[in-house]
Amino acid sequence: MEFIADFHIHSKYSRATSKDMDLEHIAHWAKLKGITLMGTGDFTHHLWLEELHNNLEDLGNGLFKYKGVNFILTSEISSIYSKKGKTYRIHNIVFAPSFKTVHKINEVLARYGNLSSDGRPILGLDAKDIARIVFDIDDTCMVVPAHVWTPWFSLFGSMSGFNRIEDCFEELSPKLFALETGLSSDPAMNWRVSALDRFSLISNSDSH
């Protein structure tokens, strides 16, 4: 089955984001562009989560619907932390199957930072620890490293990233099966790296 999806977006509650990044406008433009499945973005922000909860129709299969457009619960999380004497800045996209799971994730993550400060929260948590928290809560969740070649804020970033996925996620690496190309690379560039052959590659708008 072929379909067009955009899993990585932000809401109006993220910094430097249009005030029109609400469900009404997101659904409208998704239809115009032929996108049938959207990520909600920003489920860690309490105000956006309330809007999602009040407006999305739960289809009972991990998907939700709003005015003819399907949605899946997603949120980007920024990790800034030190490991073995080096500072890392890693962004990951978390996919969750239900509001129940989202509430549990938010409850734990709130212990490590202010989730209300930004739709994309910045936490002083190791990326591996975020993945462990998410998988321990619900092992049907997905964690996808975001825009993996962006120099400053990504898994392979030249300024603040790792050389190998295993160096970042260690024993949790087998639980990851997709990577986001981001604006710094395209699928063809990633296909040149044989270590990434087992991963599905996704490209999203990261719309603000």
N, C-alpha and C. Protein backbone atom coordinates (compact mmCIF):
# COMPACT_ATOMS: atom_id res chain seq x y z
N MET A 1 0.84 -1.20 0.00
CA MET A 1 0.00 0.00 0.00
C MET A 1 0.88 1.25 0.00
N GLU A 2 0.67 2.11 -0.96
CA GLU A 2 1.44 3.34 -1.04
C GLU A 2 0.62 4.51 -0.52
N PHE A 3 1.26 5.36 0.26
CA PHE A 3 0.60 6.57 0.74
C PHE A 3 1.68 7.60 1.06
N ILE A 4 1.27 8.84 1.14
CA ILE A 4 2.20 9.93 1.47
C ILE A 4 1.96 10.34 2.91
N ALA A 5 3.04 10.41 3.68
CA ALA A 5 2.94 10.77 5.10
C ALA A 5 3.95 11.87 5.42
N ASP A 6 3.64 12.62 6.45
CA ASP A 6 4.57 13.62 6.99
C ASP A 6 4.53 13.47 8.51
N PHE A 7 5.53 12.77 9.05
CA PHE A 7 5.51 12.41 10.46
C PHE A 7 6.12 13.47 11.37
N HIS A 8 6.90 14.38 10.82
CA HIS A 8 7.65 15.32 11.65
C HIS A 8 7.20 16.75 11.36
N ILE A 9 6.34 17.26 12.22
CA ILE A 9 5.91 18.66 12.14
C ILE A 9 5.90 19.23 13.56
N HIS A 10 5.61 20.52 13.65
CA HIS A 10 5.48 21.16 14.95
C HIS A 10 4.17 21.93 15.02
N SER A 11 3.71 22.14 16.24
CA SER A 11 2.48 22.89 16.46
C SER A 11 2.80 24.36 16.72
N LYS A 12 1.77 25.14 16.89
CA LYS A 12 1.94 26.57 17.19
C LYS A 12 2.57 26.80 18.56
N TYR A 13 2.74 25.73 19.33
CA TYR A 13 3.34 25.86 20.66
C TYR A 13 4.85 25.66 20.66
N SER A 14 5.43 25.41 19.49
CA SER A 14 6.88 25.34 19.37
C SER A 14 7.44 26.71 19.02
N ARG A 15 8.69 26.93 19.39
CA ARG A 15 9.33 28.20 19.10
C ARG A 15 9.52 28.37 17.59
N ALA A 16 9.46 29.62 17.15
CA ALA A 16 9.69 29.97 15.74
C ALA A 16 8.76 29.20 14.81
N THR A 17 7.50 29.11 15.22
CA THR A 17 6.51 28.35 14.45
C THR A 17 5.31 29.23 14.13
N SER A 18 4.72 29.03 12.97
CA SER A 18 3.56 29.81 12.56
C SER A 18 2.39 29.62 13.51
N LYS A 19 1.66 30.69 13.74
CA LYS A 19 0.44 30.61 14.56
C LYS A 19 -0.63 29.77 13.88
N ASP A 20 -0.45 29.48 12.59
CA ASP A 20 -1.41 28.67 11.85
C ASP A 20 -1.12 27.18 11.93
N MET A 21 -0.13 26.79 12.72
CA MET A 21 0.15 25.36 12.87
C MET A 21 -0.82 24.77 13.90
N ASP A 22 -2.08 24.72 13.48
CA ASP A 22 -3.13 24.11 14.29
C ASP A 22 -3.79 23.02 13.46
N LEU A 23 -4.67 22.25 14.06
CA LEU A 23 -5.27 21.12 13.36
C LEU A 23 -6.01 21.55 12.10
N GLU A 24 -6.72 22.66 12.18
CA GLU A 24 -7.51 23.12 11.04
C GLU A 24 -6.62 23.37 9.82
N HIS A 25 -5.55 24.12 10.02
CA HIS A 25 -4.67 24.45 8.90
C HIS A 25 -3.83 23.25 8.46
N ILE A 26 -3.37 22.46 9.42
CA ILE A 26 -2.58 21.28 9.07
C ILE A 26 -3.39 20.33 8.19
N ALA A 27 -4.64 20.07 8.58
CA ALA A 27 -5.50 19.17 7.80
C ALA A 27 -5.80 19.77 6.42
N HIS A 28 -6.05 21.06 6.39
CA HIS A 28 -6.36 21.73 5.11
C HIS A 28 -5.21 21.58 4.11
N TRP A 29 -4.00 21.88 4.56
CA TRP A 29 -2.86 21.82 3.64
C TRP A 29 -2.43 20.39 3.34
N ALA A 30 -2.66 19.48 4.27
CA ALA A 30 -2.37 18.07 3.99
C ALA A 30 -3.23 17.58 2.82
N LYS A 31 -4.50 17.94 2.82
CA LYS A 31 -5.39 17.54 1.73
C LYS A 31 -4.92 18.12 0.40
N LEU A 32 -4.54 19.39 0.40
CA LEU A 32 -4.09 20.02 -0.84
C LEU A 32 -2.83 19.36 -1.39
N LYS A 33 -1.98 18.87 -0.50
CA LYS A 33 -0.71 18.27 -0.92
C LYS A 33 -0.82 16.76 -1.14
N GLY A 34 -1.99 16.18 -0.88
CA GLY A 34 -2.17 14.75 -1.07
C GLY A 34 -1.57 13.90 0.03
N ILE A 35 -1.39 14.49 1.22
CA ILE A 35 -0.83 13.76 2.36
C ILE A 35 -1.99 13.14 3.14
N THR A 36 -1.95 11.83 3.31
CA THR A 36 -3.07 11.14 3.96
C THR A 36 -2.78 10.77 5.41
N LEU A 37 -1.51 10.87 5.83
CA LEU A 37 -1.16 10.55 7.22
C LEU A 37 -0.18 11.59 7.74
N MET A 38 -0.57 12.27 8.81
CA MET A 38 0.25 13.31 9.42
C MET A 38 0.66 12.92 10.83
N GLY A 39 1.88 13.27 11.21
CA GLY A 39 2.24 13.23 12.61
C GLY A 39 1.66 14.46 13.29
N THR A 40 1.27 14.32 14.54
CA THR A 40 0.70 15.47 15.25
C THR A 40 1.78 16.45 15.67
N GLY A 41 2.99 15.93 15.95
CA GLY A 41 4.03 16.75 16.54
C GLY A 41 3.66 17.18 17.96
N ASP A 42 4.66 17.44 18.76
CA ASP A 42 4.53 18.19 20.02
C ASP A 42 3.58 17.60 21.06
N PHE A 43 3.41 16.27 21.10
CA PHE A 43 2.47 15.74 22.09
C PHE A 43 2.95 15.92 23.53
N THR A 44 4.20 16.36 23.70
CA THR A 44 4.69 16.61 25.06
C THR A 44 4.19 17.93 25.63
N HIS A 45 3.62 18.80 24.79
CA HIS A 45 3.13 20.10 25.27
C HIS A 45 1.67 19.98 25.71
N HIS A 46 1.38 20.37 26.94
CA HIS A 46 0.06 20.11 27.52
C HIS A 46 -1.08 20.80 26.78
N LEU A 47 -0.85 22.01 26.27
CA LEU A 47 -1.93 22.72 25.58
C LEU A 47 -2.24 22.08 24.23
N TRP A 48 -1.19 21.69 23.50
CA TRP A 48 -1.40 21.02 22.22
C TRP A 48 -2.03 19.64 22.43
N LEU A 49 -1.57 18.95 23.47
CA LEU A 49 -2.13 17.63 23.76
C LEU A 49 -3.62 17.73 24.07
N GLU A 50 -4.02 18.78 24.77
CA GLU A 50 -5.43 18.98 25.07
C GLU A 50 -6.23 19.20 23.78
N GLU A 51 -5.68 19.98 22.86
CA GLU A 51 -6.37 20.20 21.58
C GLU A 51 -6.49 18.90 20.79
N LEU A 52 -5.42 18.13 20.79
CA LEU A 52 -5.45 16.85 20.09
C LEU A 52 -6.51 15.93 20.69
N HIS A 53 -6.52 15.85 22.01
CA HIS A 53 -7.44 14.95 22.70
C HIS A 53 -8.89 15.35 22.44
N ASN A 54 -9.15 16.65 22.36
CA ASN A 54 -10.52 17.14 22.20
C ASN A 54 -11.02 17.07 20.76
N ASN A 55 -10.11 16.95 19.79
CA ASN A 55 -10.53 17.07 18.40
C ASN A 55 -10.28 15.85 17.52
N LEU A 56 -9.34 15.00 17.90
CA LEU A 56 -9.04 13.84 17.07
C LEU A 56 -9.99 12.68 17.36
N GLU A 57 -10.43 12.04 16.30
CA GLU A 57 -11.26 10.84 16.43
C GLU A 57 -10.35 9.62 16.49
N ASP A 58 -10.47 8.85 17.56
CA ASP A 58 -9.64 7.66 17.74
C ASP A 58 -10.19 6.52 16.88
N LEU A 59 -9.38 6.03 15.95
CA LEU A 59 -9.80 4.95 15.06
C LEU A 59 -9.56 3.57 15.67
N GLY A 60 -8.90 3.53 16.83
CA GLY A 60 -8.72 2.27 17.53
C GLY A 60 -7.58 1.40 17.05
N ASN A 61 -6.78 1.91 16.13
CA ASN A 61 -5.67 1.12 15.58
C ASN A 61 -4.34 1.87 15.64
N GLY A 62 -4.26 2.85 16.54
CA GLY A 62 -3.06 3.67 16.64
C GLY A 62 -3.11 4.91 15.78
N LEU A 63 -4.17 5.03 14.98
CA LEU A 63 -4.36 6.21 14.14
C LEU A 63 -5.56 7.00 14.62
N PHE A 64 -5.56 8.28 14.25
CA PHE A 64 -6.64 9.19 14.61
C PHE A 64 -7.05 9.96 13.36
N LYS A 65 -8.21 10.57 13.38
CA LYS A 65 -8.68 11.27 12.18
C LYS A 65 -9.23 12.64 12.55
N TYR A 66 -8.95 13.60 11.65
CA TYR A 66 -9.52 14.94 11.78
C TYR A 66 -9.84 15.44 10.38
N LYS A 67 -11.12 15.66 10.11
CA LYS A 67 -11.60 16.20 8.84
C LYS A 67 -10.99 15.48 7.64
N GLY A 68 -11.03 14.15 7.69
CA GLY A 68 -10.61 13.34 6.55
C GLY A 68 -9.13 13.05 6.46
N VAL A 69 -8.33 13.57 7.40
CA VAL A 69 -6.89 13.32 7.40
C VAL A 69 -6.53 12.45 8.59
N ASN A 70 -5.74 11.41 8.35
CA ASN A 70 -5.29 10.54 9.44
C ASN A 70 -4.10 11.15 10.16
N PHE A 71 -4.03 10.92 11.46
CA PHE A 71 -2.93 11.42 12.28
C PHE A 71 -2.38 10.28 13.13
N ILE A 72 -1.09 10.40 13.46
CA ILE A 72 -0.46 9.52 14.44
C ILE A 72 0.23 10.42 15.47
N LEU A 73 0.21 10.01 16.72
CA LEU A 73 0.75 10.84 17.80
C LEU A 73 2.28 10.83 17.77
N THR A 74 2.87 12.01 17.58
CA THR A 74 4.33 12.12 17.49
C THR A 74 4.82 13.34 18.27
N SER A 75 6.09 13.30 18.61
CA SER A 75 6.72 14.46 19.24
C SER A 75 8.23 14.37 19.06
N GLU A 76 8.85 15.50 18.78
CA GLU A 76 10.31 15.57 18.70
C GLU A 76 10.86 15.99 20.06
N ILE A 77 11.90 15.32 20.50
CA ILE A 77 12.53 15.63 21.79
C ILE A 77 14.00 15.92 21.56
N SER A 78 14.47 17.02 22.13
CA SER A 78 15.87 17.41 22.01
C SER A 78 16.63 16.97 23.26
N SER A 79 17.71 16.24 23.05
CA SER A 79 18.57 15.81 24.16
C SER A 79 19.90 16.54 24.08
N ILE A 80 20.28 17.21 25.14
CA ILE A 80 21.60 17.83 25.24
C ILE A 80 22.25 17.28 26.50
N TYR A 81 23.35 16.54 26.33
CA TYR A 81 23.93 15.84 27.46
C TYR A 81 25.40 15.54 27.20
N SER A 82 26.10 15.20 28.27
CA SER A 82 27.51 14.85 28.17
C SER A 82 27.69 13.35 28.35
N LYS A 83 28.61 12.79 27.57
CA LYS A 83 28.89 11.36 27.65
C LYS A 83 30.36 11.15 27.32
N LYS A 84 31.08 10.55 28.25
CA LYS A 84 32.51 10.28 28.07
C LYS A 84 33.28 11.54 27.69
N GLY A 85 32.93 12.65 28.36
CA GLY A 85 33.67 13.89 28.20
C GLY A 85 33.30 14.73 27.00
N LYS A 86 32.26 14.34 26.25
CA LYS A 86 31.85 15.11 25.07
C LYS A 86 30.38 15.47 25.19
N THR A 87 30.03 16.66 24.69
CA THR A 87 28.64 17.10 24.70
C THR A 87 27.94 16.69 23.41
N TYR A 88 26.77 16.09 23.56
CA TYR A 88 25.99 15.64 22.40
C TYR A 88 24.66 16.38 22.36
N ARG A 89 24.21 16.66 21.14
CA ARG A 89 22.91 17.29 20.91
C ARG A 89 22.17 16.44 19.89
N ILE A 90 21.21 15.68 20.37
CA ILE A 90 20.52 14.70 19.53
C ILE A 90 19.02 14.96 19.55
N HIS A 91 18.39 14.95 18.39
CA HIS A 91 16.93 15.05 18.30
C HIS A 91 16.35 13.71 17.88
N ASN A 92 15.27 13.32 18.53
CA ASN A 92 14.58 12.08 18.19
C ASN A 92 13.08 12.33 18.07
N ILE A 93 12.44 11.60 17.17
CA ILE A 93 10.99 11.64 17.03
C ILE A 93 10.41 10.41 17.71
N VAL A 94 9.45 10.64 18.59
CA VAL A 94 8.79 9.53 19.29
C VAL A 94 7.38 9.37 18.72
N PHE A 95 7.03 8.13 18.39
CA PHE A 95 5.70 7.78 17.90
C PHE A 95 5.00 6.99 19.01
N ALA A 96 3.76 7.35 19.31
CA ALA A 96 3.01 6.64 20.36
C ALA A 96 1.66 6.18 19.81
N PRO A 97 1.17 5.03 20.29
CA PRO A 97 -0.07 4.46 19.73
C PRO A 97 -1.35 4.98 20.36
N SER A 98 -1.26 5.68 21.50
CA SER A 98 -2.49 6.08 22.20
C SER A 98 -2.22 7.27 23.11
N PHE A 99 -3.30 7.95 23.48
CA PHE A 99 -3.17 9.04 24.44
C PHE A 99 -2.76 8.51 25.81
N LYS A 100 -3.19 7.32 26.15
CA LYS A 100 -2.80 6.71 27.42
C LYS A 100 -1.29 6.58 27.51
N THR A 101 -0.68 6.11 26.43
CA THR A 101 0.77 5.98 26.40
C THR A 101 1.44 7.35 26.44
N VAL A 102 0.90 8.31 25.71
CA VAL A 102 1.46 9.67 25.70
C VAL A 102 1.47 10.26 27.10
N HIS A 103 0.38 10.12 27.82
CA HIS A 103 0.31 10.67 29.18
C HIS A 103 1.37 10.04 30.08
N LYS A 104 1.61 8.75 29.93
CA LYS A 104 2.63 8.08 30.73
C LYS A 104 4.03 8.58 30.37
N ILE A 105 4.28 8.75 29.07
CA ILE A 105 5.58 9.27 28.64
C ILE A 105 5.81 10.67 29.19
N ASN A 106 4.79 11.52 29.06
CA ASN A 106 4.93 12.90 29.54
C ASN A 106 5.14 12.96 31.05
N GLU A 107 4.48 12.08 31.76
CA GLU A 107 4.61 12.06 33.22
C GLU A 107 6.06 11.79 33.63
N VAL A 108 6.71 10.87 32.93
CA VAL A 108 8.10 10.55 33.26
C VAL A 108 9.04 11.64 32.77
N LEU A 109 8.87 12.10 31.54
CA LEU A 109 9.79 13.10 30.99
C LEU A 109 9.72 14.42 31.76
N ALA A 110 8.56 14.73 32.34
CA ALA A 110 8.41 15.98 33.09
C ALA A 110 9.33 16.04 34.31
N ARG A 111 9.84 14.90 34.73
CA ARG A 111 10.77 14.88 35.86
C ARG A 111 12.14 15.42 35.48
N TYR A 112 12.40 15.52 34.17
CA TYR A 112 13.73 15.89 33.70
C TYR A 112 13.79 17.25 33.01
N GLY A 113 12.66 17.95 32.94
CA GLY A 113 12.67 19.26 32.29
C GLY A 113 11.27 19.82 32.21
N ASN A 114 11.18 21.07 31.78
CA ASN A 114 9.90 21.77 31.67
C ASN A 114 9.28 21.52 30.30
N LEU A 115 8.32 20.62 30.24
CA LEU A 115 7.70 20.27 28.97
C LEU A 115 6.83 21.40 28.42
N SER A 116 6.46 22.34 29.28
CA SER A 116 5.59 23.44 28.86
C SER A 116 6.35 24.59 28.20
N SER A 117 7.67 24.57 28.28
CA SER A 117 8.45 25.70 27.78
C SER A 117 8.51 25.76 26.27
N ASP A 118 8.30 24.62 25.61
CA ASP A 118 8.44 24.57 24.15
C ASP A 118 7.76 23.30 23.65
N GLY A 119 7.17 23.38 22.46
CA GLY A 119 6.57 22.19 21.87
C GLY A 119 7.59 21.10 21.62
N ARG A 120 8.84 21.49 21.38
CA ARG A 120 9.93 20.53 21.27
C ARG A 120 10.81 20.72 22.50
N PRO A 121 10.58 19.97 23.56
CA PRO A 121 11.30 20.20 24.82
C PRO A 121 12.78 19.84 24.72
N ILE A 122 13.59 20.55 25.48
CA ILE A 122 15.01 20.27 25.58
C ILE A 122 15.25 19.63 26.94
N LEU A 123 15.76 18.41 26.93
CA LEU A 123 15.98 17.67 28.17
C LEU A 123 17.45 17.29 28.29
N GLY A 124 17.94 17.27 29.50
CA GLY A 124 19.32 16.86 29.75
C GLY A 124 19.43 15.36 29.91
N LEU A 125 18.76 14.64 29.05
CA LEU A 125 18.71 13.18 29.12
C LEU A 125 19.46 12.57 27.95
N ASP A 126 20.24 11.56 28.23
CA ASP A 126 20.88 10.75 27.19
C ASP A 126 19.81 10.24 26.22
N ALA A 127 20.09 10.31 24.93
CA ALA A 127 19.13 9.82 23.93
C ALA A 127 18.76 8.37 24.18
N LYS A 128 19.73 7.58 24.63
CA LYS A 128 19.44 6.18 24.94
C LYS A 128 18.45 6.07 26.10
N ASP A 129 18.58 6.95 27.09
CA ASP A 129 17.68 6.90 28.24
C ASP A 129 16.26 7.29 27.83
N ILE A 130 16.13 8.24 26.90
CA ILE A 130 14.80 8.59 26.40
C ILE A 130 14.19 7.38 25.70
N ALA A 131 14.98 6.72 24.88
CA ALA A 131 14.48 5.53 24.19
C ALA A 131 14.06 4.45 25.19
N ARG A 132 14.87 4.26 26.23
CA ARG A 132 14.53 3.25 27.23
C ARG A 132 13.23 3.60 27.95
N ILE A 133 13.07 4.86 28.32
CA ILE A 133 11.84 5.30 28.99
C ILE A 133 10.63 5.00 28.11
N VAL A 134 10.73 5.36 26.84
CA VAL A 134 9.62 5.17 25.91
C VAL A 134 9.29 3.69 25.72
N PHE A 135 10.31 2.87 25.48
CA PHE A 135 10.07 1.45 25.24
C PHE A 135 9.59 0.72 26.50
N ASP A 136 10.06 1.17 27.67
CA ASP A 136 9.60 0.55 28.91
C ASP A 136 8.12 0.83 29.17
N ILE A 137 7.66 1.99 28.74
CA ILE A 137 6.26 2.35 28.92
C ILE A 137 5.37 1.58 27.95
N ASP A 138 5.81 1.50 26.69
CA ASP A 138 5.02 0.81 25.67
C ASP A 138 5.96 0.37 24.55
N ASP A 139 6.18 -0.92 24.44
CA ASP A 139 7.16 -1.39 23.45
C ASP A 139 6.64 -1.35 22.02
N THR A 140 5.40 -0.88 21.83
CA THR A 140 4.91 -0.66 20.47
C THR A 140 5.20 0.77 19.99
N CYS A 141 5.78 1.58 20.86
CA CYS A 141 6.21 2.92 20.44
C CYS A 141 7.38 2.80 19.46
N MET A 142 7.63 3.86 18.74
CA MET A 142 8.78 3.92 17.85
C MET A 142 9.62 5.15 18.20
N VAL A 143 10.92 5.00 18.10
CA VAL A 143 11.85 6.11 18.24
C VAL A 143 12.66 6.20 16.96
N VAL A 144 12.62 7.38 16.33
CA VAL A 144 13.31 7.58 15.06
C VAL A 144 14.26 8.78 15.21
N PRO A 145 15.56 8.57 15.09
CA PRO A 145 16.49 9.70 15.12
C PRO A 145 16.14 10.70 14.02
N ALA A 146 16.08 11.98 14.40
CA ALA A 146 15.62 13.02 13.48
C ALA A 146 16.78 13.63 12.68
N HIS A 147 16.47 14.03 11.44
CA HIS A 147 17.42 14.71 10.53
C HIS A 147 18.87 14.33 10.87
N VAL A 148 19.21 13.08 10.58
CA VAL A 148 20.39 12.44 11.17
C VAL A 148 21.73 13.05 10.75
N TRP A 149 21.77 13.88 9.71
CA TRP A 149 23.06 14.46 9.29
C TRP A 149 23.16 15.95 9.57
N THR A 150 22.15 16.55 10.21
CA THR A 150 22.24 17.97 10.54
C THR A 150 23.44 18.19 11.46
N PRO A 151 24.33 19.13 11.14
CA PRO A 151 25.61 19.24 11.87
C PRO A 151 25.50 19.37 13.38
N TRP A 152 24.57 20.19 13.88
CA TRP A 152 24.58 20.50 15.31
C TRP A 152 23.61 19.68 16.15
N PHE A 153 22.54 19.20 15.59
CA PHE A 153 21.49 18.58 16.41
C PHE A 153 21.02 17.26 15.84
N SER A 154 21.93 16.29 15.73
CA SER A 154 21.50 15.02 15.15
C SER A 154 22.44 13.89 15.52
N LEU A 155 21.98 12.69 15.23
CA LEU A 155 22.72 11.47 15.56
C LEU A 155 24.12 11.45 14.94
N PHE A 156 24.23 11.82 13.66
CA PHE A 156 25.52 11.81 12.97
C PHE A 156 26.09 13.21 12.77
N GLY A 157 25.55 14.19 13.47
CA GLY A 157 25.99 15.57 13.29
C GLY A 157 27.49 15.74 13.48
N SER A 158 28.13 16.45 12.57
CA SER A 158 29.59 16.60 12.61
C SER A 158 30.06 17.37 13.83
N MET A 159 29.19 18.21 14.40
CA MET A 159 29.59 19.04 15.53
C MET A 159 29.20 18.45 16.89
N SER A 160 28.18 17.62 16.92
CA SER A 160 27.72 17.16 18.24
C SER A 160 27.05 15.79 18.20
N GLY A 161 27.46 14.96 17.23
CA GLY A 161 26.84 13.64 17.10
C GLY A 161 27.83 12.50 17.25
N PHE A 162 27.36 11.30 16.91
CA PHE A 162 28.14 10.07 17.02
C PHE A 162 28.57 9.59 15.64
N ASN A 163 29.51 8.67 15.62
CA ASN A 163 29.93 8.06 14.36
C ASN A 163 29.11 6.82 14.01
N ARG A 164 28.52 6.19 15.04
CA ARG A 164 27.74 4.98 14.82
C ARG A 164 26.48 5.04 15.67
N ILE A 165 25.42 4.44 15.16
CA ILE A 165 24.17 4.37 15.91
C ILE A 165 24.39 3.63 17.22
N GLU A 166 25.21 2.58 17.17
CA GLU A 166 25.45 1.76 18.35
C GLU A 166 26.16 2.54 19.46
N ASP A 167 26.94 3.55 19.09
CA ASP A 167 27.63 4.36 20.10
C ASP A 167 26.64 5.22 20.87
N CYS A 168 25.53 5.55 20.23
CA CYS A 168 24.51 6.38 20.87
C CYS A 168 23.52 5.54 21.67
N PHE A 169 22.92 4.56 21.02
CA PHE A 169 21.83 3.81 21.64
C PHE A 169 22.26 2.48 22.25
N GLU A 170 23.50 2.09 22.01
CA GLU A 170 24.09 0.90 22.63
C GLU A 170 23.16 -0.32 22.49
N GLU A 171 22.79 -0.96 23.61
CA GLU A 171 22.03 -2.21 23.52
C GLU A 171 20.61 -2.02 22.99
N LEU A 172 20.14 -0.77 22.94
CA LEU A 172 18.80 -0.51 22.42
C LEU A 172 18.78 -0.31 20.90
N SER A 173 19.95 -0.29 20.29
CA SER A 173 20.03 -0.05 18.84
C SER A 173 19.15 -0.98 18.01
N PRO A 174 19.04 -2.28 18.35
CA PRO A 174 18.18 -3.16 17.55
C PRO A 174 16.71 -2.78 17.56
N LYS A 175 16.29 -1.95 18.52
CA LYS A 175 14.89 -1.54 18.59
C LYS A 175 14.57 -0.39 17.63
N LEU A 176 15.60 0.18 17.03
CA LEU A 176 15.41 1.26 16.06
C LEU A 176 15.44 0.68 14.65
N PHE A 177 14.50 1.07 13.82
CA PHE A 177 14.47 0.51 12.47
C PHE A 177 14.26 1.56 11.39
N ALA A 178 14.22 2.85 11.77
CA ALA A 178 14.04 3.90 10.77
C ALA A 178 14.87 5.12 11.15
N LEU A 179 15.27 5.88 10.14
CA LEU A 179 16.02 7.12 10.32
C LEU A 179 15.37 8.20 9.46
N GLU A 180 15.40 9.43 9.95
CA GLU A 180 14.90 10.55 9.15
C GLU A 180 16.06 11.21 8.42
N THR A 181 15.91 11.40 7.11
CA THR A 181 16.99 11.98 6.31
C THR A 181 17.22 13.44 6.65
N GLY A 182 16.14 14.21 6.82
CA GLY A 182 16.27 15.64 7.08
C GLY A 182 16.67 16.42 5.85
N LEU A 183 16.83 17.73 6.01
CA LEU A 183 17.18 18.60 4.88
C LEU A 183 18.66 18.53 4.53
N SER A 184 19.46 17.89 5.39
CA SER A 184 20.90 17.80 5.14
C SER A 184 21.30 16.59 4.32
N SER A 185 20.34 15.74 3.98
CA SER A 185 20.65 14.56 3.16
C SER A 185 19.38 14.09 2.47
N ASP A 186 19.55 13.21 1.49
CA ASP A 186 18.41 12.57 0.85
C ASP A 186 18.65 11.06 0.90
N PRO A 187 17.65 10.25 0.56
CA PRO A 187 17.84 8.79 0.65
C PRO A 187 19.06 8.29 -0.11
N ALA A 188 19.32 8.82 -1.30
CA ALA A 188 20.45 8.34 -2.10
C ALA A 188 21.78 8.54 -1.38
N MET A 189 21.91 9.64 -0.67
CA MET A 189 23.14 9.88 0.10
C MET A 189 23.29 8.86 1.21
N ASN A 190 22.18 8.54 1.88
CA ASN A 190 22.23 7.57 2.98
C ASN A 190 22.49 6.15 2.48
N TRP A 191 22.03 5.84 1.27
CA TRP A 191 22.24 4.49 0.73
C TRP A 191 23.72 4.21 0.47
N ARG A 192 24.54 5.24 0.46
CA ARG A 192 25.98 5.04 0.24
C ARG A 192 26.68 4.55 1.51
N VAL A 193 25.96 4.58 2.65
CA VAL A 193 26.53 4.15 3.93
C VAL A 193 25.97 2.76 4.24
N SER A 194 26.77 1.74 4.06
CA SER A 194 26.27 0.36 4.18
C SER A 194 25.77 0.05 5.59
N ALA A 195 26.29 0.75 6.60
CA ALA A 195 25.85 0.50 7.98
C ALA A 195 24.38 0.87 8.18
N LEU A 196 23.81 1.62 7.24
CA LEU A 196 22.42 2.04 7.37
C LEU A 196 21.47 1.18 6.54
N ASP A 197 21.99 0.12 5.93
CA ASP A 197 21.17 -0.68 5.01
C ASP A 197 19.94 -1.28 5.67
N ARG A 198 20.02 -1.59 6.95
CA ARG A 198 18.88 -2.26 7.60
C ARG A 198 17.76 -1.28 7.98
N PHE A 199 18.02 0.01 7.85
CA PHE A 199 17.04 1.01 8.29
C PHE A 199 16.15 1.49 7.15
N SER A 200 14.88 1.68 7.47
CA SER A 200 14.00 2.39 6.55
C SER A 200 14.30 3.88 6.66
N LEU A 201 14.27 4.57 5.54
CA LEU A 201 14.55 6.00 5.53
C LEU A 201 13.25 6.76 5.31
N ILE A 202 13.01 7.76 6.16
CA ILE A 202 11.82 8.59 5.99
C ILE A 202 12.26 10.04 5.84
N SER A 203 11.54 10.78 5.02
CA SER A 203 11.81 12.20 4.82
C SER A 203 10.54 12.97 5.14
N ASN A 204 10.67 13.97 6.00
CA ASN A 204 9.52 14.74 6.46
C ASN A 204 9.77 16.23 6.28
N SER A 205 8.73 17.02 6.50
CA SER A 205 8.85 18.46 6.29
C SER A 205 9.51 19.19 7.45
N ASP A 206 9.37 18.65 8.69
CA ASP A 206 9.78 19.38 9.90
C ASP A 206 9.16 20.77 9.87
N SER A 207 7.91 20.81 9.48
CA SER A 207 7.22 22.08 9.24
C SER A 207 7.07 22.89 10.52
N HIS A 208 7.39 24.17 10.40
CA HIS A 208 7.21 25.12 11.48
C HIS A 208 6.15 26.17 11.10
